[in-house]
């Protein structure tokens, strides 16, 4: 085999391996590219399988928060259509409250409850740190 033919075979084999690797990675990541699923998407995909790791985003359902300091905190995440029950042990973010945006990351247990490892508060484009908000409020009160 001539040197040119060997080079072409090598380039062809490398291209085939690269294409196979990209296809394999794309297939493996197909269902995990979304940052967070909504409760409706969880229900539609039937993704609440025990041990299934997932991120769920939505609003903290009004009247669903139970628990407090030093105990498991139970709440539900809703998208106004469906809801997902969540249990979390740990300190909640300062912005966590009913009706506010939240993303919970964890895995489902056998009862369809998301056992959260991490809870993140979401905010809109008008967010400002608590200290800045209080300073603005104090300035407005003195005027």
N, C-alpha and C. Protein backbone atom coordinates (compact mmCIF):
# COMPACT_ATOMS: atom_id res chain seq x y z
N UNK A 1 0.84 -1.16 0.00
CA UNK A 1 0.00 0.00 0.00
C UNK A 1 0.89 1.23 0.00
N UNK A 2 0.52 2.17 -0.81
CA UNK A 2 1.33 3.40 -0.91
C UNK A 2 1.06 4.31 0.28
N UNK A 3 2.00 5.19 0.53
CA UNK A 3 1.91 6.10 1.67
C UNK A 3 0.66 6.98 1.59
N UNK A 4 0.31 7.41 0.38
CA UNK A 4 -0.87 8.25 0.20
C UNK A 4 -2.14 7.46 0.54
N UNK A 5 -2.24 6.23 0.15
CA UNK A 5 -3.40 5.38 0.45
C UNK A 5 -3.52 5.15 1.95
N UNK A 6 -2.39 4.92 2.61
CA UNK A 6 -2.41 4.72 4.07
C UNK A 6 -2.94 5.96 4.78
N UNK A 7 -2.50 7.12 4.33
CA UNK A 7 -2.92 8.38 4.92
C UNK A 7 -4.43 8.57 4.74
N UNK A 8 -4.96 8.28 3.56
CA UNK A 8 -6.39 8.41 3.30
C UNK A 8 -7.20 7.44 4.18
N UNK A 9 -6.73 6.20 4.33
CA UNK A 9 -7.41 5.25 5.20
C UNK A 9 -7.40 5.73 6.64
N UNK A 10 -6.29 6.26 7.09
CA UNK A 10 -6.18 6.77 8.46
C UNK A 10 -7.15 7.93 8.69
N UNK A 11 -7.20 8.88 7.77
CA UNK A 11 -8.11 10.03 7.87
C UNK A 11 -9.56 9.56 7.86
N UNK A 12 -9.88 8.62 7.00
CA UNK A 12 -11.25 8.09 6.93
C UNK A 12 -11.66 7.39 8.21
N UNK A 13 -10.76 6.58 8.78
CA UNK A 13 -11.05 5.87 10.03
C UNK A 13 -11.22 6.86 11.18
N UNK A 14 -10.36 7.89 11.24
CA UNK A 14 -10.47 8.89 12.30
C UNK A 14 -11.78 9.66 12.18
N UNK A 15 -12.20 10.01 10.97
CA UNK A 15 -13.47 10.72 10.76
C UNK A 15 -14.66 9.85 11.17
N UNK A 16 -14.61 8.56 10.85
CA UNK A 16 -15.70 7.65 11.22
C UNK A 16 -15.78 7.51 12.74
N UNK A 17 -14.64 7.39 13.42
CA UNK A 17 -14.63 7.30 14.88
C UNK A 17 -15.15 8.59 15.51
N UNK A 18 -14.76 9.73 14.99
CA UNK A 18 -15.23 11.01 15.53
C UNK A 18 -16.74 11.15 15.34
N UNK A 19 -17.26 10.79 14.18
CA UNK A 19 -18.70 10.86 13.92
C UNK A 19 -19.45 9.92 14.86
N UNK A 20 -18.92 8.73 15.09
CA UNK A 20 -19.54 7.79 16.01
C UNK A 20 -19.57 8.31 17.43
N UNK A 21 -18.48 8.95 17.86
CA UNK A 21 -18.42 9.52 19.21
C UNK A 21 -19.41 10.65 19.40
N UNK A 22 -19.52 11.51 18.40
CA UNK A 22 -20.49 12.62 18.47
C UNK A 22 -21.92 12.07 18.51
N UNK A 23 -22.22 11.08 17.70
CA UNK A 23 -23.56 10.49 17.68
C UNK A 23 -23.87 9.83 19.03
N UNK A 24 -22.91 9.14 19.61
CA UNK A 24 -23.10 8.50 20.91
C UNK A 24 -23.34 9.54 22.00
N UNK A 25 -22.56 10.61 22.01
CA UNK A 25 -22.73 11.67 23.01
C UNK A 25 -24.08 12.36 22.85
N UNK A 26 -24.48 12.64 21.62
CA UNK A 26 -25.77 13.29 21.37
C UNK A 26 -26.92 12.41 21.84
N UNK A 27 -26.83 11.12 21.62
CA UNK A 27 -27.87 10.19 22.06
C UNK A 27 -27.94 10.13 23.58
N UNK A 28 -26.80 10.10 24.23
CA UNK A 28 -26.76 10.00 25.70
C UNK A 28 -27.28 11.28 26.37
N UNK A 29 -27.06 12.42 25.76
CA UNK A 29 -27.44 13.70 26.36
C UNK A 29 -28.81 14.21 25.91
N UNK A 30 -29.49 13.47 25.07
CA UNK A 30 -30.75 13.93 24.46
C UNK A 30 -31.76 14.39 25.50
N UNK A 31 -31.94 13.65 26.58
CA UNK A 31 -32.97 13.98 27.56
C UNK A 31 -32.47 14.87 28.70
N UNK A 32 -31.19 15.20 28.72
CA UNK A 32 -30.66 15.97 29.84
C UNK A 32 -30.18 17.35 29.45
N UNK A 33 -30.46 17.81 28.26
CA UNK A 33 -29.98 19.12 27.86
C UNK A 33 -30.79 20.26 28.45
N UNK A 34 -32.01 20.03 28.87
CA UNK A 34 -32.81 21.08 29.49
C UNK A 34 -32.29 21.36 30.88
N UNK A 35 -32.25 22.64 31.27
CA UNK A 35 -31.77 22.97 32.61
C UNK A 35 -32.70 22.41 33.67
N UNK A 36 -33.98 22.62 33.48
CA UNK A 36 -34.94 22.12 34.46
C UNK A 36 -36.25 21.78 33.76
N UNK A 37 -36.83 20.67 34.14
CA UNK A 37 -38.13 20.28 33.60
C UNK A 37 -39.23 20.93 34.44
N UNK A 38 -40.36 21.19 33.84
CA UNK A 38 -41.52 21.66 34.58
C UNK A 38 -42.24 20.44 35.14
N UNK A 39 -43.09 20.61 36.14
CA UNK A 39 -43.86 19.47 36.64
C UNK A 39 -44.71 18.79 35.56
N UNK A 40 -45.25 19.56 34.62
CA UNK A 40 -46.02 18.97 33.53
C UNK A 40 -45.15 18.10 32.65
N UNK A 41 -43.91 18.55 32.35
CA UNK A 41 -42.99 17.74 31.55
C UNK A 41 -42.61 16.45 32.29
N UNK A 42 -42.44 16.53 33.59
CA UNK A 42 -42.14 15.33 34.39
C UNK A 42 -43.29 14.34 34.27
N UNK A 43 -44.51 14.84 34.37
CA UNK A 43 -45.69 13.98 34.28
C UNK A 43 -45.83 13.37 32.88
N UNK A 44 -45.65 14.20 31.83
CA UNK A 44 -45.78 13.71 30.46
C UNK A 44 -44.72 12.68 30.11
N UNK A 45 -43.50 12.89 30.56
CA UNK A 45 -42.39 11.97 30.25
C UNK A 45 -42.36 10.79 31.21
N UNK A 46 -43.20 10.82 32.22
CA UNK A 46 -43.20 9.79 33.26
C UNK A 46 -41.79 9.61 33.82
N UNK A 47 -41.16 10.75 34.13
CA UNK A 47 -39.78 10.77 34.58
C UNK A 47 -39.64 10.59 36.08
N UNK A 48 -40.73 10.42 36.80
CA UNK A 48 -40.67 10.28 38.25
C UNK A 48 -40.37 8.85 38.66
N UNK A 49 -39.42 8.22 37.99
CA UNK A 49 -39.01 6.85 38.34
C UNK A 49 -38.05 6.90 39.53
N UNK A 50 -38.16 5.94 40.45
CA UNK A 50 -37.25 5.93 41.61
C UNK A 50 -35.79 5.96 41.18
N UNK A 51 -35.03 6.85 41.81
CA UNK A 51 -33.61 6.98 41.52
C UNK A 51 -33.31 7.87 40.33
N UNK A 52 -34.33 8.33 39.61
CA UNK A 52 -34.13 9.17 38.43
C UNK A 52 -33.68 10.56 38.87
N UNK A 53 -32.48 10.95 38.50
CA UNK A 53 -31.96 12.27 38.84
C UNK A 53 -32.55 13.30 37.88
N UNK A 54 -32.94 14.45 38.42
CA UNK A 54 -33.62 15.45 37.60
C UNK A 54 -33.55 16.81 38.27
N UNK A 55 -33.76 17.85 37.47
CA UNK A 55 -33.95 19.21 37.98
C UNK A 55 -35.37 19.60 37.63
N UNK A 56 -36.09 20.11 38.61
CA UNK A 56 -37.48 20.53 38.39
C UNK A 56 -37.57 22.01 38.74
N UNK A 57 -38.16 22.78 37.83
CA UNK A 57 -38.32 24.21 38.05
C UNK A 57 -39.77 24.63 37.97
N UNK A 58 -40.11 25.62 38.73
CA UNK A 58 -41.46 26.16 38.73
C UNK A 58 -41.62 27.10 39.90
N UNK A 59 -42.86 27.23 40.38
CA UNK A 59 -43.16 28.09 41.51
C UNK A 59 -43.43 27.24 42.74
N UNK A 60 -43.08 27.77 43.91
CA UNK A 60 -43.41 27.08 45.16
C UNK A 60 -44.91 27.21 45.34
N UNK A 61 -45.58 26.08 45.41
CA UNK A 61 -47.04 26.07 45.50
C UNK A 61 -47.51 26.69 46.82
N UNK A 62 -48.49 27.59 46.73
CA UNK A 62 -49.03 28.26 47.91
C UNK A 62 -49.64 27.24 48.86
N UNK A 63 -49.31 27.37 50.15
CA UNK A 63 -49.85 26.49 51.18
C UNK A 63 -49.20 25.13 51.26
N UNK A 64 -48.13 24.90 50.52
CA UNK A 64 -47.52 23.57 50.50
C UNK A 64 -46.29 23.44 51.39
N UNK A 65 -45.76 24.54 51.91
CA UNK A 65 -44.52 24.50 52.68
C UNK A 65 -44.81 24.02 54.10
N UNK A 66 -44.14 22.93 54.50
CA UNK A 66 -44.25 22.37 55.85
C UNK A 66 -42.85 22.06 56.35
N UNK A 67 -42.64 22.25 57.63
CA UNK A 67 -41.34 21.97 58.22
C UNK A 67 -40.63 23.26 58.56
N UNK A 68 -39.40 23.14 59.04
CA UNK A 68 -38.66 24.34 59.41
C UNK A 68 -37.22 24.02 59.71
N UNK A 69 -36.63 24.84 60.55
CA UNK A 69 -35.22 24.69 60.90
C UNK A 69 -34.95 23.33 61.53
N UNK A 70 -33.94 22.63 61.05
CA UNK A 70 -33.50 21.38 61.64
C UNK A 70 -34.32 20.16 61.26
N UNK A 71 -35.37 20.34 60.47
CA UNK A 71 -36.19 19.21 60.03
C UNK A 71 -36.32 19.24 58.52
N UNK A 72 -36.78 18.13 57.98
CA UNK A 72 -37.03 18.10 56.54
C UNK A 72 -38.11 19.12 56.18
N UNK A 73 -37.88 19.80 55.10
CA UNK A 73 -38.84 20.79 54.61
C UNK A 73 -39.56 20.17 53.43
N UNK A 74 -40.87 20.13 53.51
CA UNK A 74 -41.71 19.58 52.45
C UNK A 74 -42.40 20.74 51.75
N UNK A 75 -42.40 20.70 50.42
CA UNK A 75 -43.13 21.69 49.64
C UNK A 75 -43.41 21.09 48.28
N UNK A 76 -44.15 21.81 47.47
CA UNK A 76 -44.48 21.34 46.13
C UNK A 76 -44.08 22.41 45.12
N UNK A 77 -43.60 21.96 43.98
CA UNK A 77 -43.28 22.86 42.87
C UNK A 77 -44.39 22.70 41.84
N UNK A 78 -44.93 23.83 41.39
CA UNK A 78 -46.02 23.79 40.44
C UNK A 78 -45.73 24.68 39.23
N UNK A 79 -46.39 24.35 38.12
CA UNK A 79 -46.36 25.21 36.94
C UNK A 79 -47.79 25.65 36.61
N UNK A 80 -48.65 25.62 37.61
CA UNK A 80 -50.07 25.97 37.53
C UNK A 80 -50.91 24.91 36.83
N UNK A 81 -50.29 23.83 36.35
CA UNK A 81 -51.01 22.72 35.73
C UNK A 81 -50.80 21.46 36.56
N UNK A 82 -49.56 21.12 36.82
CA UNK A 82 -49.18 19.95 37.62
C UNK A 82 -48.28 20.40 38.75
N UNK A 83 -48.07 19.49 39.69
CA UNK A 83 -47.13 19.80 40.77
C UNK A 83 -46.31 18.56 41.12
N UNK A 84 -45.15 18.81 41.68
CA UNK A 84 -44.23 17.75 42.10
C UNK A 84 -43.92 17.96 43.57
N UNK A 85 -44.18 16.95 44.43
CA UNK A 85 -43.82 17.09 45.85
C UNK A 85 -42.30 16.99 46.02
N UNK A 86 -41.78 17.81 46.93
CA UNK A 86 -40.33 17.87 47.17
C UNK A 86 -40.08 17.79 48.67
N UNK A 87 -39.02 17.10 49.05
CA UNK A 87 -38.54 17.11 50.43
C UNK A 87 -37.06 17.51 50.39
N UNK A 88 -36.67 18.38 51.33
CA UNK A 88 -35.31 18.91 51.34
C UNK A 88 -34.83 19.06 52.77
N UNK A 89 -33.58 18.67 53.01
CA UNK A 89 -32.94 18.86 54.32
C UNK A 89 -31.81 19.84 54.12
N UNK A 90 -31.89 20.96 54.77
CA UNK A 90 -30.83 21.94 54.65
C UNK A 90 -31.38 23.34 54.71
N UNK A 91 -30.49 24.29 54.52
CA UNK A 91 -30.86 25.70 54.55
C UNK A 91 -31.41 26.12 53.19
N UNK A 92 -32.56 26.74 53.22
CA UNK A 92 -33.17 27.22 51.98
C UNK A 92 -32.60 28.58 51.61
N UNK A 93 -32.61 28.94 50.32
CA UNK A 93 -32.14 30.26 49.91
C UNK A 93 -33.00 31.37 50.51
N UNK A 94 -32.43 32.55 50.64
CA UNK A 94 -33.14 33.70 51.22
C UNK A 94 -34.40 34.05 50.43
N UNK A 95 -34.38 33.87 49.13
CA UNK A 95 -35.52 34.25 48.29
C UNK A 95 -36.61 33.18 48.24
N UNK A 96 -36.44 32.07 48.96
CA UNK A 96 -37.41 31.00 48.95
C UNK A 96 -38.66 31.43 49.69
N UNK A 97 -39.80 31.41 49.01
CA UNK A 97 -41.09 31.64 49.64
C UNK A 97 -42.19 31.19 48.68
N UNK A 98 -43.37 31.04 49.21
CA UNK A 98 -44.49 30.58 48.40
C UNK A 98 -44.75 31.55 47.25
N UNK A 99 -45.00 30.99 46.07
CA UNK A 99 -45.28 31.80 44.90
C UNK A 99 -44.05 32.27 44.15
N UNK A 100 -42.86 32.02 44.68
CA UNK A 100 -41.62 32.44 44.04
C UNK A 100 -41.02 31.30 43.22
N UNK A 101 -40.20 31.65 42.24
CA UNK A 101 -39.56 30.66 41.39
C UNK A 101 -38.48 29.89 42.13
N UNK A 102 -38.39 28.59 41.81
CA UNK A 102 -37.42 27.73 42.47
C UNK A 102 -37.02 26.60 41.51
N UNK A 103 -35.79 26.12 41.66
CA UNK A 103 -35.32 24.94 40.94
C UNK A 103 -34.79 23.97 42.00
N UNK A 104 -35.31 22.74 41.98
CA UNK A 104 -34.86 21.71 42.91
C UNK A 104 -34.15 20.63 42.12
N UNK A 105 -33.00 20.21 42.62
CA UNK A 105 -32.18 19.20 41.95
C UNK A 105 -32.03 18.02 42.89
N UNK A 106 -32.35 16.83 42.38
CA UNK A 106 -32.24 15.64 43.22
C UNK A 106 -32.72 14.41 42.47
N UNK A 107 -33.25 13.44 43.22
CA UNK A 107 -33.72 12.18 42.63
C UNK A 107 -35.06 11.81 43.26
N UNK A 108 -35.87 11.11 42.49
CA UNK A 108 -37.18 10.69 42.98
C UNK A 108 -37.05 9.46 43.88
N UNK A 109 -37.92 9.40 44.89
CA UNK A 109 -37.99 8.21 45.73
C UNK A 109 -39.11 7.30 45.20
N UNK A 110 -39.43 6.24 45.89
CA UNK A 110 -40.43 5.29 45.45
C UNK A 110 -41.85 5.82 45.44
N UNK A 111 -42.10 6.95 46.14
CA UNK A 111 -43.44 7.52 46.21
C UNK A 111 -43.67 8.65 45.21
N UNK A 112 -42.68 8.93 44.37
CA UNK A 112 -42.81 10.02 43.41
C UNK A 112 -42.46 11.38 43.97
N UNK A 113 -41.84 11.40 45.15
CA UNK A 113 -41.39 12.65 45.77
C UNK A 113 -39.95 12.91 45.38
N UNK A 114 -39.66 14.15 45.01
CA UNK A 114 -38.30 14.53 44.68
C UNK A 114 -37.54 14.78 45.97
N UNK A 115 -36.51 14.01 46.23
CA UNK A 115 -35.63 14.21 47.38
C UNK A 115 -34.51 15.11 46.89
N UNK A 116 -34.61 16.38 47.24
CA UNK A 116 -33.72 17.40 46.69
C UNK A 116 -32.37 17.40 47.40
N UNK A 117 -31.31 17.47 46.59
CA UNK A 117 -29.96 17.66 47.12
C UNK A 117 -29.65 19.14 47.22
N UNK A 118 -30.29 19.90 46.32
CA UNK A 118 -30.01 21.34 46.24
C UNK A 118 -31.28 22.05 45.82
N UNK A 119 -31.54 23.21 46.42
CA UNK A 119 -32.68 24.04 46.06
C UNK A 119 -32.14 25.43 45.73
N UNK A 120 -32.49 25.92 44.56
CA UNK A 120 -32.05 27.23 44.11
C UNK A 120 -33.26 28.13 43.93
N UNK A 121 -33.16 29.37 44.38
CA UNK A 121 -34.23 30.34 44.16
C UNK A 121 -34.01 31.01 42.82
N UNK A 122 -35.09 31.20 42.09
CA UNK A 122 -35.01 31.90 40.80
C UNK A 122 -35.62 33.28 40.98
N UNK A 123 -35.17 34.20 40.18
CA UNK A 123 -35.72 35.55 40.24
C UNK A 123 -35.86 36.10 38.83
N UNK A 124 -36.61 37.17 38.70
CA UNK A 124 -36.79 37.77 37.38
C UNK A 124 -35.76 38.87 37.15
N UNK A 125 -35.93 39.59 36.06
CA UNK A 125 -34.95 40.62 35.69
C UNK A 125 -34.98 41.83 36.61
N UNK A 126 -35.98 41.95 37.48
CA UNK A 126 -36.05 43.09 38.39
C UNK A 126 -35.41 42.78 39.74
N UNK A 127 -34.72 41.66 39.86
CA UNK A 127 -34.10 41.27 41.12
C UNK A 127 -33.05 42.27 41.56
N UNK A 128 -33.01 42.53 42.87
CA UNK A 128 -31.89 43.27 43.45
C UNK A 128 -31.58 42.64 44.80
N UNK A 129 -30.32 42.68 45.22
CA UNK A 129 -29.95 42.08 46.50
C UNK A 129 -30.78 42.67 47.65
N UNK A 130 -30.94 41.89 48.69
CA UNK A 130 -31.77 42.29 49.83
C UNK A 130 -31.30 43.60 50.43
N UNK A 131 -29.98 43.79 50.55
CA UNK A 131 -29.44 45.01 51.14
C UNK A 131 -29.79 46.23 50.28
N UNK A 132 -29.69 46.09 48.96
CA UNK A 132 -30.01 47.21 48.06
C UNK A 132 -31.50 47.54 48.13
N UNK A 133 -32.33 46.51 48.22
CA UNK A 133 -33.77 46.72 48.31
C UNK A 133 -34.13 47.46 49.59
N UNK A 134 -33.54 47.05 50.71
CA UNK A 134 -33.83 47.70 51.98
C UNK A 134 -33.34 49.15 51.98
N UNK A 135 -32.18 49.40 51.37
CA UNK A 135 -31.67 50.78 51.28
C UNK A 135 -32.60 51.64 50.43
N UNK A 136 -33.09 51.09 49.32
CA UNK A 136 -34.01 51.81 48.43
C UNK A 136 -35.32 52.11 49.16
N UNK A 137 -35.79 51.13 49.92
CA UNK A 137 -37.04 51.29 50.67
C UNK A 137 -36.87 52.37 51.77
N UNK A 138 -35.72 52.38 52.44
CA UNK A 138 -35.46 53.37 53.49
C UNK A 138 -35.35 54.76 52.89
N UNK A 139 -34.74 54.87 51.71
CA UNK A 139 -34.62 56.16 51.04
C UNK A 139 -36.00 56.68 50.63
N UNK A 140 -36.85 55.81 50.12
CA UNK A 140 -38.18 56.20 49.69
C UNK A 140 -39.04 56.62 50.89
N UNK A 141 -38.81 56.00 52.04
CA UNK A 141 -39.60 56.31 53.24
C UNK A 141 -39.23 57.69 53.80
N UNK A 142 -37.97 58.13 53.62
CA UNK A 142 -37.55 59.41 54.15
C UNK A 142 -37.92 60.57 53.24
N UNK A 143 -38.29 60.29 52.02
CA UNK A 143 -38.64 61.36 51.09
C UNK A 143 -40.07 61.77 51.21
